[in-house]
Amino acid sequence: MGVKVGRRDTCPHCAADLHACKNCDHYDPGLHNMCKEPEAAFIRDRSEANFCPHFVFKQRDSFQADTGVSAAKKKLADLFKNLK
């Protein structure tokens, strides 16, 4: 069972719009239209609220931590470790 998110619902902590593409399970920045739903309309700003009928709120376990920065720092540290 999914979470119901209204068009004007916002985050109680930061006031960000919740019914936005970036919070949708169909959102995929690697695709041409940034959406897995082929019939979805083009949305210019993916972080603002919209009227998309295909919106499905992401479940907490589907979020992935961005480990790119920490991985890059580790590689950089390993690269210069032998120079000391």
N, C-alpha and C. Protein backbone atom coordinates (compact mmCIF):
# COMPACT_ATOMS: atom_id res chain seq x y z
N MET A 1 0.85 -1.18 0.00
CA MET A 1 0.00 0.00 0.00
C MET A 1 0.90 1.24 0.00
N GLY A 2 0.67 2.15 -0.93
CA GLY A 2 1.48 3.35 -1.05
C GLY A 2 1.00 4.48 -0.14
N VAL A 3 1.84 5.47 -0.02
CA VAL A 3 1.54 6.64 0.79
C VAL A 3 0.79 7.64 -0.08
N LYS A 4 -0.32 8.18 0.42
CA LYS A 4 -1.08 9.19 -0.32
C LYS A 4 -0.44 10.55 -0.08
N VAL A 5 -0.04 11.20 -1.16
CA VAL A 5 0.56 12.53 -1.08
C VAL A 5 -0.28 13.46 -1.93
N GLY A 6 -0.79 14.51 -1.32
CA GLY A 6 -1.59 15.48 -2.03
C GLY A 6 -0.75 16.45 -2.85
N ARG A 7 -1.36 17.07 -3.83
CA ARG A 7 -0.67 18.00 -4.74
C ARG A 7 0.01 19.14 -3.99
N ARG A 8 -0.55 19.63 -2.92
CA ARG A 8 0.02 20.76 -2.19
C ARG A 8 0.72 20.37 -0.88
N ASP A 9 0.92 19.08 -0.64
CA ASP A 9 1.60 18.65 0.58
C ASP A 9 3.07 19.04 0.55
N THR A 10 3.57 19.46 1.69
CA THR A 10 4.98 19.86 1.80
C THR A 10 5.64 19.15 2.97
N CYS A 11 6.94 19.12 2.96
CA CYS A 11 7.72 18.54 4.04
C CYS A 11 7.59 19.43 5.28
N PRO A 12 7.29 18.85 6.44
CA PRO A 12 7.14 19.67 7.65
C PRO A 12 8.47 20.25 8.14
N HIS A 13 9.58 19.72 7.68
CA HIS A 13 10.90 20.19 8.13
C HIS A 13 11.50 21.27 7.23
N CYS A 14 11.37 21.09 5.91
CA CYS A 14 12.03 22.03 4.98
C CYS A 14 11.07 22.74 4.05
N ALA A 15 9.78 22.41 4.10
CA ALA A 15 8.73 23.02 3.28
C ALA A 15 8.87 22.71 1.79
N ALA A 16 9.63 21.68 1.42
CA ALA A 16 9.75 21.28 0.02
C ALA A 16 8.47 20.58 -0.42
N ASP A 17 8.12 20.74 -1.70
CA ASP A 17 6.94 20.07 -2.25
C ASP A 17 7.17 18.56 -2.24
N LEU A 18 6.15 17.80 -1.84
CA LEU A 18 6.26 16.34 -1.82
C LEU A 18 5.76 15.70 -3.10
N HIS A 19 4.72 16.28 -3.72
CA HIS A 19 4.17 15.73 -4.97
C HIS A 19 4.99 16.27 -6.14
N ALA A 20 6.26 15.88 -6.18
CA ALA A 20 7.19 16.34 -7.21
C ALA A 20 7.87 15.13 -7.84
N CYS A 21 8.31 15.28 -9.06
CA CYS A 21 8.93 14.17 -9.79
C CYS A 21 10.07 13.51 -9.01
N LYS A 22 10.90 14.30 -8.36
CA LYS A 22 12.05 13.74 -7.66
C LYS A 22 11.65 12.84 -6.50
N ASN A 23 10.41 12.91 -6.06
CA ASN A 23 9.91 12.03 -5.00
C ASN A 23 9.08 10.88 -5.54
N CYS A 24 9.01 10.75 -6.85
CA CYS A 24 8.18 9.73 -7.49
C CYS A 24 9.00 8.48 -7.79
N ASP A 25 8.37 7.33 -7.65
CA ASP A 25 9.02 6.06 -7.94
C ASP A 25 9.35 5.92 -9.43
N HIS A 26 8.64 6.64 -10.29
CA HIS A 26 8.89 6.59 -11.73
C HIS A 26 10.04 7.49 -12.17
N TYR A 27 10.52 8.36 -11.31
CA TYR A 27 11.57 9.32 -11.66
C TYR A 27 12.88 8.59 -11.93
N ASP A 28 13.48 8.86 -13.08
CA ASP A 28 14.76 8.27 -13.46
C ASP A 28 15.52 9.29 -14.30
N PRO A 29 16.48 10.00 -13.70
CA PRO A 29 17.20 11.04 -14.45
C PRO A 29 17.99 10.52 -15.63
N GLY A 30 18.18 9.21 -15.72
CA GLY A 30 18.92 8.64 -16.84
C GLY A 30 18.10 8.46 -18.10
N LEU A 31 16.80 8.63 -18.01
CA LEU A 31 15.92 8.48 -19.17
C LEU A 31 15.69 9.82 -19.86
N HIS A 32 15.29 9.77 -21.12
CA HIS A 32 15.08 10.99 -21.92
C HIS A 32 14.10 11.95 -21.26
N ASN A 33 12.95 11.47 -20.85
CA ASN A 33 11.93 12.32 -20.22
C ASN A 33 12.06 12.30 -18.70
N MET A 34 13.09 11.64 -18.19
CA MET A 34 13.35 11.48 -16.75
C MET A 34 12.22 10.76 -16.04
N CYS A 35 11.47 9.94 -16.78
CA CYS A 35 10.33 9.24 -16.19
C CYS A 35 10.21 7.85 -16.81
N LYS A 36 9.96 6.85 -15.97
CA LYS A 36 9.77 5.47 -16.46
C LYS A 36 8.40 5.29 -17.10
N GLU A 37 7.48 6.20 -16.82
CA GLU A 37 6.13 6.13 -17.39
C GLU A 37 6.15 6.74 -18.79
N PRO A 38 5.96 5.94 -19.84
CA PRO A 38 6.09 6.45 -21.22
C PRO A 38 5.05 7.50 -21.61
N GLU A 39 3.90 7.51 -20.95
CA GLU A 39 2.85 8.46 -21.32
C GLU A 39 2.85 9.72 -20.46
N ALA A 40 3.84 9.87 -19.60
CA ALA A 40 3.90 11.04 -18.72
C ALA A 40 4.25 12.29 -19.52
N ALA A 41 3.62 13.38 -19.15
CA ALA A 41 3.89 14.67 -19.81
C ALA A 41 5.24 15.20 -19.35
N PHE A 42 5.85 16.06 -20.18
CA PHE A 42 7.12 16.67 -19.81
C PHE A 42 6.91 17.66 -18.68
N ILE A 43 7.71 17.56 -17.65
CA ILE A 43 7.67 18.48 -16.50
C ILE A 43 8.99 19.23 -16.48
N ARG A 44 8.92 20.55 -16.54
CA ARG A 44 10.14 21.35 -16.61
C ARG A 44 10.95 21.30 -15.32
N ASP A 45 10.33 21.60 -14.19
CA ASP A 45 11.04 21.62 -12.91
C ASP A 45 10.64 20.39 -12.10
N ARG A 46 11.53 19.45 -11.97
CA ARG A 46 11.25 18.16 -11.34
C ARG A 46 11.18 18.23 -9.81
N SER A 47 11.55 19.37 -9.22
CA SER A 47 11.51 19.48 -7.76
C SER A 47 10.30 20.25 -7.25
N GLU A 48 9.48 20.81 -8.16
CA GLU A 48 8.28 21.54 -7.76
C GLU A 48 7.04 20.66 -7.90
N ALA A 49 6.00 20.98 -7.14
CA ALA A 49 4.75 20.23 -7.18
C ALA A 49 4.17 20.26 -8.59
N ASN A 50 3.50 19.15 -8.97
CA ASN A 50 2.88 19.08 -10.29
C ASN A 50 1.61 18.24 -10.22
N PHE A 51 0.90 18.15 -11.33
CA PHE A 51 -0.39 17.45 -11.40
C PHE A 51 -0.28 16.07 -12.06
N CYS A 52 0.88 15.49 -12.11
CA CYS A 52 1.07 14.22 -12.82
C CYS A 52 0.18 13.12 -12.24
N PRO A 53 -0.64 12.49 -13.10
CA PRO A 53 -1.53 11.42 -12.61
C PRO A 53 -0.79 10.10 -12.36
N HIS A 54 0.47 9.99 -12.79
CA HIS A 54 1.24 8.76 -12.64
C HIS A 54 2.07 8.76 -11.35
N PHE A 55 1.98 9.82 -10.56
CA PHE A 55 2.82 9.98 -9.36
C PHE A 55 2.60 8.84 -8.36
N VAL A 56 3.71 8.21 -7.96
CA VAL A 56 3.71 7.18 -6.91
C VAL A 56 4.85 7.54 -5.96
N PHE A 57 4.51 7.85 -4.72
CA PHE A 57 5.53 8.30 -3.76
C PHE A 57 6.54 7.19 -3.52
N LYS A 58 7.84 7.54 -3.59
CA LYS A 58 8.90 6.57 -3.34
C LYS A 58 8.80 6.01 -1.93
N GLN A 59 9.01 4.74 -1.81
CA GLN A 59 9.06 4.12 -0.49
C GLN A 59 10.45 4.35 0.10
N ARG A 60 10.53 4.46 1.38
CA ARG A 60 11.78 4.78 2.08
C ARG A 60 12.91 3.84 1.67
N ASP A 61 12.65 2.55 1.51
CA ASP A 61 13.72 1.61 1.18
C ASP A 61 14.21 1.76 -0.26
N SER A 62 13.51 2.54 -1.10
CA SER A 62 13.96 2.73 -2.47
C SER A 62 14.95 3.89 -2.61
N PHE A 63 15.12 4.67 -1.55
CA PHE A 63 16.11 5.75 -1.59
C PHE A 63 17.50 5.16 -1.43
N GLN A 64 18.44 5.69 -2.18
CA GLN A 64 19.81 5.22 -2.10
C GLN A 64 20.71 6.38 -1.70
N ALA A 65 21.59 6.11 -0.77
CA ALA A 65 22.52 7.13 -0.32
C ALA A 65 23.52 7.43 -1.43
N ASP A 66 23.91 8.67 -1.53
CA ASP A 66 24.90 9.08 -2.52
C ASP A 66 26.28 8.80 -1.95
N THR A 67 26.90 7.73 -2.40
CA THR A 67 28.22 7.37 -1.90
C THR A 67 29.32 7.85 -2.83
N GLY A 68 28.97 8.57 -3.86
CA GLY A 68 29.97 9.04 -4.83
C GLY A 68 31.03 9.93 -4.22
N VAL A 69 30.64 10.84 -3.35
CA VAL A 69 31.60 11.77 -2.75
C VAL A 69 32.55 11.02 -1.83
N SER A 70 32.02 10.17 -0.97
CA SER A 70 32.89 9.45 -0.04
C SER A 70 33.81 8.48 -0.78
N ALA A 71 33.30 7.85 -1.83
CA ALA A 71 34.13 6.94 -2.62
C ALA A 71 35.25 7.70 -3.34
N ALA A 72 34.94 8.87 -3.86
CA ALA A 72 35.95 9.68 -4.54
C ALA A 72 37.02 10.15 -3.56
N LYS A 73 36.61 10.56 -2.36
CA LYS A 73 37.59 10.99 -1.35
C LYS A 73 38.51 9.85 -0.94
N LYS A 74 37.94 8.65 -0.83
CA LYS A 74 38.75 7.50 -0.46
C LYS A 74 39.76 7.18 -1.56
N LYS A 75 39.34 7.22 -2.81
CA LYS A 75 40.26 6.97 -3.92
C LYS A 75 41.37 8.00 -3.96
N LEU A 76 41.02 9.26 -3.71
CA LEU A 76 42.02 10.32 -3.70
C LEU A 76 43.02 10.12 -2.56
N ALA A 77 42.52 9.76 -1.39
CA ALA A 77 43.41 9.51 -0.25
C ALA A 77 44.33 8.33 -0.54
N ASP A 78 43.78 7.27 -1.15
CA ASP A 78 44.61 6.10 -1.48
C ASP A 78 45.66 6.45 -2.52
N LEU A 79 45.34 7.33 -3.43
CA LEU A 79 46.28 7.73 -4.48
C LEU A 79 47.49 8.44 -3.89
N PHE A 80 47.26 9.30 -2.91
CA PHE A 80 48.36 10.08 -2.33
C PHE A 80 48.96 9.45 -1.08
N LYS A 81 48.47 8.29 -0.67
CA LYS A 81 48.96 7.63 0.53
C LYS A 81 50.46 7.27 0.41
N ASN A 82 50.86 6.82 -0.76
CA ASN A 82 52.25 6.36 -0.97
C ASN A 82 53.23 7.50 -1.16
N LEU A 83 52.77 8.72 -1.33
CA LEU A 83 53.65 9.86 -1.57
C LEU A 83 54.24 10.47 -0.30
N LYS A 84 53.75 10.09 0.85
CA LYS A 84 54.21 10.68 2.11
C LYS A 84 55.59 10.25 2.47
